[in-house]
Amino acid sequence: MQATVELPEVVLQQLEMLARREGATPGDLIRRIVEDHVARCQASAHRSVNVSLPLIPASETGPIRPITGKDVDCTALG
């Protein structure tokens, strides 16, 4: 696939300088940067978090009383 990217002149100059420093072309550098970004985004999307439930033990919260519609109405009205 090919794409055209419009960059501000100052960014293009920095890109060309970085590419020369690395012995690559600007296109190679852009490709690598995009591939790295996509890989990081995919890795963060696939992370799984293992947690034990409950997150906050009942011993630290105290009793939790049920809330009714009347409780919500009283809270909303002040």
PDB file of N, CA and C in Angstrom:
ATOM      1  N   MET A   1       0.843  -1.172   0.000  1.00  0.00           N
ATOM      2  CA  MET A   1       0.000   0.000   0.000  1.00  0.00           C
ATOM      3  C   MET A   1       0.890   1.237   0.000  1.00  0.00           C
ATOM      4  N   GLN A   2       0.439   2.249  -0.666  1.00  0.00           N
ATOM      5  CA  GLN A   2       1.173   3.507  -0.682  1.00  0.00           C
ATOM      6  C   GLN A   2       0.286   4.600  -0.111  1.00  0.00           C
ATOM      7  N   ALA A   3       0.921   5.555   0.550  1.00  0.00           N
ATOM      8  CA  ALA A   3       0.182   6.681   1.107  1.00  0.00           C
ATOM      9  C   ALA A   3       1.015   7.940   0.935  1.00  0.00           C
ATOM     10  N   THR A   4       0.336   9.041   0.814  1.00  0.00           N
ATOM     11  CA  THR A   4       1.002  10.334   0.752  1.00  0.00           C
ATOM     12  C   THR A   4       0.772  11.028   2.082  1.00  0.00           C
ATOM     13  N   VAL A   5       1.846  11.526   2.665  1.00  0.00           N
ATOM     14  CA  VAL A   5       1.765  12.189   3.957  1.00  0.00           C
ATOM     15  C   VAL A   5       2.266  13.614   3.798  1.00  0.00           C
ATOM     16  N   GLU A   6       1.444  14.562   4.223  1.00  0.00           N
ATOM     17  CA  GLU A   6       1.874  15.956   4.180  1.00  0.00           C
ATOM     18  C   GLU A   6       2.381  16.332   5.560  1.00  0.00           C
ATOM     19  N   LEU A   7       3.633  16.771   5.612  1.00  0.00           N
ATOM     20  CA  LEU A   7       4.257  17.153   6.874  1.00  0.00           C
ATOM     21  C   LEU A   7       4.700  18.603   6.803  1.00  0.00           C
ATOM     22  N   PRO A   8       4.647  19.300   7.919  1.00  0.00           N
ATOM     23  CA  PRO A   8       5.212  20.652   7.930  1.00  0.00           C
ATOM     24  C   PRO A   8       6.697  20.585   7.567  1.00  0.00           C
ATOM     25  N   GLU A   9       7.198  21.616   6.947  1.00  0.00           N
ATOM     26  CA  GLU A   9       8.583  21.635   6.465  1.00  0.00           C
ATOM     27  C   GLU A   9       9.578  21.318   7.584  1.00  0.00           C
ATOM     28  N   VAL A  10       9.361  21.891   8.763  1.00  0.00           N
ATOM     29  CA  VAL A  10      10.297  21.671   9.869  1.00  0.00           C
ATOM     30  C   VAL A  10      10.302  20.193  10.290  1.00  0.00           C
ATOM     31  N   VAL A  11       9.150  19.554  10.271  1.00  0.00           N
ATOM     32  CA  VAL A  11       9.073  18.133  10.632  1.00  0.00           C
ATOM     33  C   VAL A  11       9.760  17.293   9.565  1.00  0.00           C
ATOM     34  N   LEU A  12       9.548  17.632   8.325  1.00  0.00           N
ATOM     35  CA  LEU A  12      10.192  16.904   7.230  1.00  0.00           C
ATOM     36  C   LEU A  12      11.714  17.013   7.332  1.00  0.00           C
ATOM     37  N   GLN A  13      12.206  18.195   7.654  1.00  0.00           N
ATOM     38  CA  GLN A  13      13.649  18.369   7.805  1.00  0.00           C
ATOM     39  C   GLN A  13      14.193  17.523   8.956  1.00  0.00           C
ATOM     40  N   GLN A  14      13.470  17.485  10.070  1.00  0.00           N
ATOM     41  CA  GLN A  14      13.895  16.664  11.204  1.00  0.00           C
ATOM     42  C   GLN A  14      13.864  15.183  10.836  1.00  0.00           C
ATOM     43  N   LEU A  15      12.833  14.778  10.121  1.00  0.00           N
ATOM     44  CA  LEU A  15      12.707  13.388   9.682  1.00  0.00           C
ATOM     45  C   LEU A  15      13.872  13.004   8.776  1.00  0.00           C
ATOM     46  N   GLU A  16      14.196  13.867   7.830  1.00  0.00           N
ATOM     47  CA  GLU A  16      15.308  13.588   6.921  1.00  0.00           C
ATOM     48  C   GLU A  16      16.630  13.508   7.682  1.00  0.00           C
ATOM     49  N   MET A  17      16.811  14.384   8.669  1.00  0.00           N
ATOM     50  CA  MET A  17      18.039  14.378   9.455  1.00  0.00           C
ATOM     51  C   MET A  17      18.145  13.078  10.265  1.00  0.00           C
ATOM     52  N   LEU A  18      17.042  12.668  10.899  1.00  0.00           N
ATOM     53  CA  LEU A  18      17.046  11.413  11.671  1.00  0.00           C
ATOM     54  C   LEU A  18      17.317  10.218  10.767  1.00  0.00           C
ATOM     55  N   ALA A  19      16.692  10.208   9.612  1.00  0.00           N
ATOM     56  CA  ALA A  19      16.884   9.103   8.672  1.00  0.00           C
ATOM     57  C   ALA A  19      18.352   9.021   8.234  1.00  0.00           C
ATOM     58  N   ARG A  20      18.960  10.158   7.904  1.00  0.00           N
ATOM     59  CA  ARG A  20      20.381  10.159   7.515  1.00  0.00           C
ATOM     60  C   ARG A  20      21.249   9.630   8.651  1.00  0.00           C
ATOM     61  N   ARG A  21      20.945  10.070   9.872  1.00  0.00           N
ATOM     62  CA  ARG A  21      21.725   9.640  11.032  1.00  0.00           C
ATOM     63  C   ARG A  21      21.655   8.124  11.211  1.00  0.00           C
ATOM     64  N   GLU A  22      20.495   7.538  10.883  1.00  0.00           N
ATOM     65  CA  GLU A  22      20.308   6.096  11.039  1.00  0.00           C
ATOM     66  C   GLU A  22      20.674   5.323   9.777  1.00  0.00           C
ATOM     67  N   GLY A  23      21.042   6.019   8.730  1.00  0.00           N
ATOM     68  CA  GLY A  23      21.386   5.346   7.482  1.00  0.00           C
ATOM     69  C   GLY A  23      20.175   4.769   6.790  1.00  0.00           C
ATOM     70  N   ALA A  24      19.039   5.429   6.940  1.00  0.00           N
ATOM     71  CA  ALA A  24      17.792   4.957   6.348  1.00  0.00           C
ATOM     72  C   ALA A  24      17.210   6.070   5.476  1.00  0.00           C
ATOM     73  N   THR A  25      16.179   5.721   4.744  1.00  0.00           N
ATOM     74  CA  THR A  25      15.467   6.742   3.981  1.00  0.00           C
ATOM     75  C   THR A  25      14.341   7.279   4.861  1.00  0.00           C
ATOM     76  N   PRO A  26      13.834   8.472   4.558  1.00  0.00           N
ATOM     77  CA  PRO A  26      12.686   8.975   5.326  1.00  0.00           C
ATOM     78  C   PRO A  26      11.492   8.017   5.278  1.00  0.00           C
ATOM     79  N   GLY A  27      11.289   7.393   4.116  1.00  0.00           N
ATOM     80  CA  GLY A  27      10.185   6.428   4.001  1.00  0.00           C
ATOM     81  C   GLY A  27      10.373   5.236   4.922  1.00  0.00           C
ATOM     82  N   ASP A  28      11.612   4.732   5.004  1.00  0.00           N
ATOM     83  CA  ASP A  28      11.899   3.608   5.908  1.00  0.00           C
ATOM     84  C   ASP A  28      11.636   4.006   7.359  1.00  0.00           C
ATOM     85  N   LEU A  29      12.058   5.211   7.709  1.00  0.00           N
ATOM     86  CA  LEU A  29      11.870   5.687   9.080  1.00  0.00           C
ATOM     87  C   LEU A  29      10.385   5.835   9.410  1.00  0.00           C
ATOM     88  N   ILE A  30       9.629   6.421   8.500  1.00  0.00           N
ATOM     89  CA  ILE A  30       8.176   6.557   8.720  1.00  0.00           C
ATOM     90  C   ILE A  30       7.541   5.182   8.875  1.00  0.00           C
ATOM     91  N   ARG A  31       7.911   4.242   7.995  1.00  0.00           N
ATOM     92  CA  ARG A  31       7.355   2.887   8.060  1.00  0.00           C
ATOM     93  C   ARG A  31       7.645   2.246   9.417  1.00  0.00           C
ATOM     94  N   ARG A  32       8.899   2.380   9.885  1.00  0.00           N
ATOM     95  CA  ARG A  32       9.272   1.779  11.162  1.00  0.00           C
ATOM     96  C   ARG A  32       8.513   2.418  12.324  1.00  0.00           C
ATOM     97  N   ILE A  33       8.386   3.744  12.295  1.00  0.00           N
ATOM     98  CA  ILE A  33       7.670   4.437  13.359  1.00  0.00           C
ATOM     99  C   ILE A  33       6.207   3.995  13.395  1.00  0.00           C
ATOM    100  N   VAL A  34       5.583   3.914  12.240  1.00  0.00           N
ATOM    101  CA  VAL A  34       4.174   3.496  12.182  1.00  0.00           C
ATOM    102  C   VAL A  34       4.029   2.044  12.649  1.00  0.00           C
ATOM    103  N   GLU A  35       4.910   1.156  12.190  1.00  0.00           N
ATOM    104  CA  GLU A  35       4.848  -0.251  12.609  1.00  0.00           C
ATOM    105  C   GLU A  35       5.017  -0.381  14.116  1.00  0.00           C
ATOM    106  N   ASP A  36       5.964   0.358  14.698  1.00  0.00           N
ATOM    107  CA  ASP A  36       6.164   0.318  16.154  1.00  0.00           C
ATOM    108  C   ASP A  36       4.927   0.809  16.897  1.00  0.00           C
ATOM    109  N   HIS A  37       4.335   1.888  16.399  1.00  0.00           N
ATOM    110  CA  HIS A  37       3.140   2.434  17.053  1.00  0.00           C
ATOM    111  C   HIS A  37       1.987   1.438  17.005  1.00  0.00           C
ATOM    112  N   VAL A  38       1.762   0.838  15.848  1.00  0.00           N
ATOM    113  CA  VAL A  38       0.680  -0.144  15.706  1.00  0.00           C
ATOM    114  C   VAL A  38       0.926  -1.337  16.626  1.00  0.00           C
ATOM    115  N   ALA A  39       2.161  -1.816  16.699  1.00  0.00           N
ATOM    116  CA  ALA A  39       2.482  -2.960  17.556  1.00  0.00           C
ATOM    117  C   ALA A  39       2.219  -2.628  19.023  1.00  0.00           C
ATOM    118  N   ARG A  40       2.606  -1.417  19.459  1.00  0.00           N
ATOM    119  CA  ARG A  40       2.357  -1.019  20.858  1.00  0.00           C
ATOM    120  C   ARG A  40       0.872  -0.916  21.144  1.00  0.00           C
ATOM    121  N   CYS A  41       0.112  -0.382  20.203  1.00  0.00           N
ATOM    122  CA  CYS A  41      -1.339  -0.243  20.398  1.00  0.00           C
ATOM    123  C   CYS A  41      -2.005  -1.615  20.487  1.00  0.00           C
ATOM    124  N   GLN A  42      -1.581  -2.545  19.663  1.00  0.00           N
ATOM    125  CA  GLN A  42      -2.148  -3.891  19.698  1.00  0.00           C
ATOM    126  C   GLN A  42      -1.777  -4.596  20.991  1.00  0.00           C
ATOM    127  N   ALA A  43      -0.549  -4.403  21.457  1.00  0.00           N
ATOM    128  CA  ALA A  43      -0.119  -5.045  22.700  1.00  0.00           C
ATOM    129  C   ALA A  43      -0.919  -4.526  23.878  1.00  0.00           C
ATOM    130  N   SER A  44      -1.175  -3.216  23.909  1.00  0.00           N
ATOM    131  CA  SER A  44      -1.927  -2.664  25.038  1.00  0.00           C
ATOM    132  C   SER A  44      -3.388  -3.083  24.965  1.00  0.00           C
ATOM    133  N   ALA A  45      -3.917  -3.315  23.769  1.00  0.00           N
ATOM    134  CA  ALA A  45      -5.310  -3.745  23.630  1.00  0.00           C
ATOM    135  C   ALA A  45      -5.484  -5.190  24.075  1.00  0.00           C
ATOM    136  N   HIS A  46      -4.416  -5.988  24.000  1.00  0.00           N
ATOM    137  CA  HIS A  46      -4.506  -7.405  24.344  1.00  0.00           C
ATOM    138  C   HIS A  46      -4.073  -7.704  25.774  1.00  0.00           C
ATOM    139  N   ARG A  47      -3.684  -6.681  26.517  1.00  0.00           N
ATOM    140  CA  ARG A  47      -3.268  -6.922  27.896  1.00  0.00           C
ATOM    141  C   ARG A  47      -4.446  -7.411  28.711  1.00  0.00           C
ATOM    142  N   SER A  48      -4.187  -8.382  29.533  1.00  0.00           N
ATOM    143  CA  SER A  48      -5.233  -8.825  30.449  1.00  0.00           C
ATOM    144  C   SER A  48      -4.778  -8.517  31.869  1.00  0.00           C
ATOM    145  N   VAL A  49      -5.704  -8.090  32.657  1.00  0.00           N
ATOM    146  CA  VAL A  49      -5.396  -7.731  34.023  1.00  0.00           C
ATOM    147  C   VAL A  49      -6.056  -8.757  34.933  1.00  0.00           C
ATOM    148  N   ASN A  50      -5.242  -9.389  35.737  1.00  0.00           N
ATOM    149  CA  ASN A  50      -5.781 -10.360  36.690  1.00  0.00           C
ATOM    150  C   ASN A  50      -5.901  -9.692  38.050  1.00  0.00           C
ATOM    151  N   VAL A  51      -7.106  -9.598  38.540  1.00  0.00           N
ATOM    152  CA  VAL A  51      -7.336  -9.021  39.854  1.00  0.00           C
ATOM    153  C   VAL A  51      -8.193  -9.989  40.655  1.00  0.00           C
ATOM    154  N   SER A  52      -8.023  -9.934  41.947  1.00  0.00           N
ATOM    155  CA  SER A  52      -8.884 -10.757  42.783  1.00  0.00           C
ATOM    156  C   SER A  52     -10.041  -9.890  43.258  1.00  0.00           C
ATOM    157  N   LEU A  53     -11.199 -10.475  43.282  1.00  0.00           N
ATOM    158  CA  LEU A  53     -12.394  -9.760  43.715  1.00  0.00           C
ATOM    159  C   LEU A  53     -12.763 -10.191  45.119  1.00  0.00           C
ATOM    160  N   PRO A  54     -13.329  -9.370  45.905  1.00  0.00           N
ATOM    161  CA  PRO A  54     -13.693  -7.989  45.632  1.00  0.00           C
ATOM    162  C   PRO A  54     -12.463  -7.088  45.689  1.00  0.00           C
ATOM    163  N   LEU A  55     -12.523  -6.000  44.948  1.00  0.00           N
ATOM    164  CA  LEU A  55     -11.400  -5.068  44.923  1.00  0.00           C
ATOM    165  C   LEU A  55     -11.214  -4.403  46.285  1.00  0.00           C
ATOM    166  N   ILE A  56     -12.322  -4.059  46.919  1.00  0.00           N
ATOM    167  CA  ILE A  56     -12.274  -3.485  48.261  1.00  0.00           C
ATOM    168  C   ILE A  56     -12.986  -4.472  49.184  1.00  0.00           C
ATOM    169  N   PRO A  57     -12.250  -5.097  50.110  1.00  0.00           N
ATOM    170  CA  PRO A  57     -12.875  -6.078  50.997  1.00  0.00           C
ATOM    171  C   PRO A  57     -13.985  -5.451  51.844  1.00  0.00           C
ATOM    172  N   ALA A  58     -15.021  -6.218  52.097  1.00  0.00           N
ATOM    173  CA  ALA A  58     -16.153  -5.733  52.891  1.00  0.00           C
ATOM    174  C   ALA A  58     -15.702  -5.260  54.265  1.00  0.00           C
ATOM    175  N   SER A  59     -14.650  -5.864  54.806  1.00  0.00           N
ATOM    176  CA  SER A  59     -14.168  -5.468  56.128  1.00  0.00           C
ATOM    177  C   SER A  59     -13.664  -4.021  56.126  1.00  0.00           C
ATOM    178  N   GLU A  60     -13.314  -3.495  54.956  1.00  0.00           N
ATOM    179  CA  GLU A  60     -12.834  -2.124  54.872  1.00  0.00           C
ATOM    180  C   GLU A  60     -13.925  -1.135  54.494  1.00  0.00           C
ATOM    181  N   THR A  61     -15.065  -1.623  54.051  1.00  0.00           N
ATOM    182  CA  THR A  61     -16.134  -0.719  53.619  1.00  0.00           C
ATOM    183  C   THR A  61     -17.253  -0.611  54.645  1.00  0.00           C
ATOM    184  N   GLY A  62     -17.389  -1.593  55.479  1.00  0.00           N
ATOM    185  CA  GLY A  62     -18.530  -1.617  56.386  1.00  0.00           C
ATOM    186  C   GLY A  62     -19.732  -2.178  55.654  1.00  0.00           C
ATOM    187  N   PRO A  63     -20.861  -2.223  56.320  1.00  0.00           N
ATOM    188  CA  PRO A  63     -22.047  -2.795  55.672  1.00  0.00           C
ATOM    189  C   PRO A  63     -22.527  -1.908  54.521  1.00  0.00           C
ATOM    190  N   ILE A  64     -22.993  -2.530  53.500  1.00  0.00           N
ATOM    191  CA  ILE A  64     -23.547  -1.800  52.362  1.00  0.00           C
ATOM    192  C   ILE A  64     -25.045  -2.019  52.378  1.00  0.00           C
ATOM    193  N   ARG A  65     -25.786  -0.928  52.554  1.00  0.00           N
ATOM    194  CA  ARG A  65     -27.238  -1.074  52.625  1.00  0.00           C
ATOM    195  C   ARG A  65     -27.825  -0.896  51.232  1.00  0.00           C
ATOM    196  N   PRO A  66     -28.920  -1.589  50.976  1.00  0.00           N
ATOM    197  CA  PRO A  66     -29.547  -1.458  49.661  1.00  0.00           C
ATOM    198  C   PRO A  66     -30.118  -0.044  49.473  1.00  0.00           C
ATOM    199  N   ILE A  67     -30.117   0.421  48.252  1.00  0.00           N
ATOM    200  CA  ILE A  67     -30.647   1.738  47.931  1.00  0.00           C
ATOM    201  C   ILE A  67     -31.953   1.550  47.173  1.00  0.00           C
ATOM    202  N   THR A  68     -32.950   2.306  47.562  1.00  0.00           N
ATOM    203  CA  THR A  68     -34.248   2.242  46.903  1.00  0.00           C
ATOM    204  C   THR A  68     -34.463   3.507  46.097  1.00  0.00           C
ATOM    205  N   GLY A  69     -35.510   3.517  45.312  1.00  0.00           N
ATOM    206  CA  GLY A  69     -35.868   4.721  44.565  1.00  0.00           C
ATOM    207  C   GLY A  69     -36.165   5.895  45.488  1.00  0.00           C
ATOM    208  N   LYS A  70     -36.747   5.608  46.664  1.00  0.00           N
ATOM    209  CA  LYS A  70     -37.054   6.666  47.630  1.00  0.00           C
ATOM    210  C   LYS A  70     -35.756   7.317  48.115  1.00  0.00           C
ATOM    211  N   ASP A  71     -34.689   6.494  48.342  1.00  0.00           N
ATOM    212  CA  ASP A  71     -33.409   7.054  48.783  1.00  0.00           C
ATOM    213  C   ASP A  71     -32.851   7.996  47.719  1.00  0.00           C
ATOM    214  N   VAL A  72     -32.968   7.614  46.472  1.00  0.00           N
ATOM    215  CA  VAL A  72     -32.447   8.454  45.385  1.00  0.00           C
ATOM    216  C   VAL A  72     -33.238   9.741  45.305  1.00  0.00           C
ATOM    217  N   ASP A  73     -34.574   9.652  45.419  1.00  0.00           N
ATOM    218  CA  ASP A  73     -35.418  10.856  45.370  1.00  0.00           C
ATOM    219  C   ASP A  73     -35.080  11.818  46.492  1.00  0.00           C
ATOM    220  N   CYS A  74     -34.876  11.284  47.703  1.00  0.00           N
ATOM    221  CA  CYS A  74     -34.567  12.134  48.848  1.00  0.00           C
ATOM    222  C   CYS A  74     -33.209  12.804  48.671  1.00  0.00           C
ATOM    223  N   THR A  75     -32.258  12.088  48.116  1.00  0.00           N
ATOM    224  CA  THR A  75     -30.908  12.643  47.913  1.00  0.00           C
ATOM    225  C   THR A  75     -30.965  13.741  46.861  1.00  0.00           C
ATOM    226  N   ALA A  76     -31.721  13.524  45.787  1.00  0.00           N
ATOM    227  CA  ALA A  76     -31.785  14.490  44.694  1.00  0.00           C
ATOM    228  C   ALA A  76     -32.506  15.773  45.117  1.00  0.00           C
ATOM    229  N   LEU A  77     -33.471  15.642  46.018  1.00  0.00           N
ATOM    230  CA  LEU A  77     -34.248  16.813  46.430  1.00  0.00           C
ATOM    231  C   LEU A  77     -33.598  17.563  47.584  1.00  0.00           C
ATOM    232  N   GLY A  78     -32.607  16.981  48.190  1.00  0.00           N
ATOM    233  CA  GLY A  78     -31.883  17.686  49.244  1.00  0.00           C
ATOM    234  C   GLY A  78     -32.370  17.279  50.554  1.00  0.00           C
TER     235      GLY A  78
END
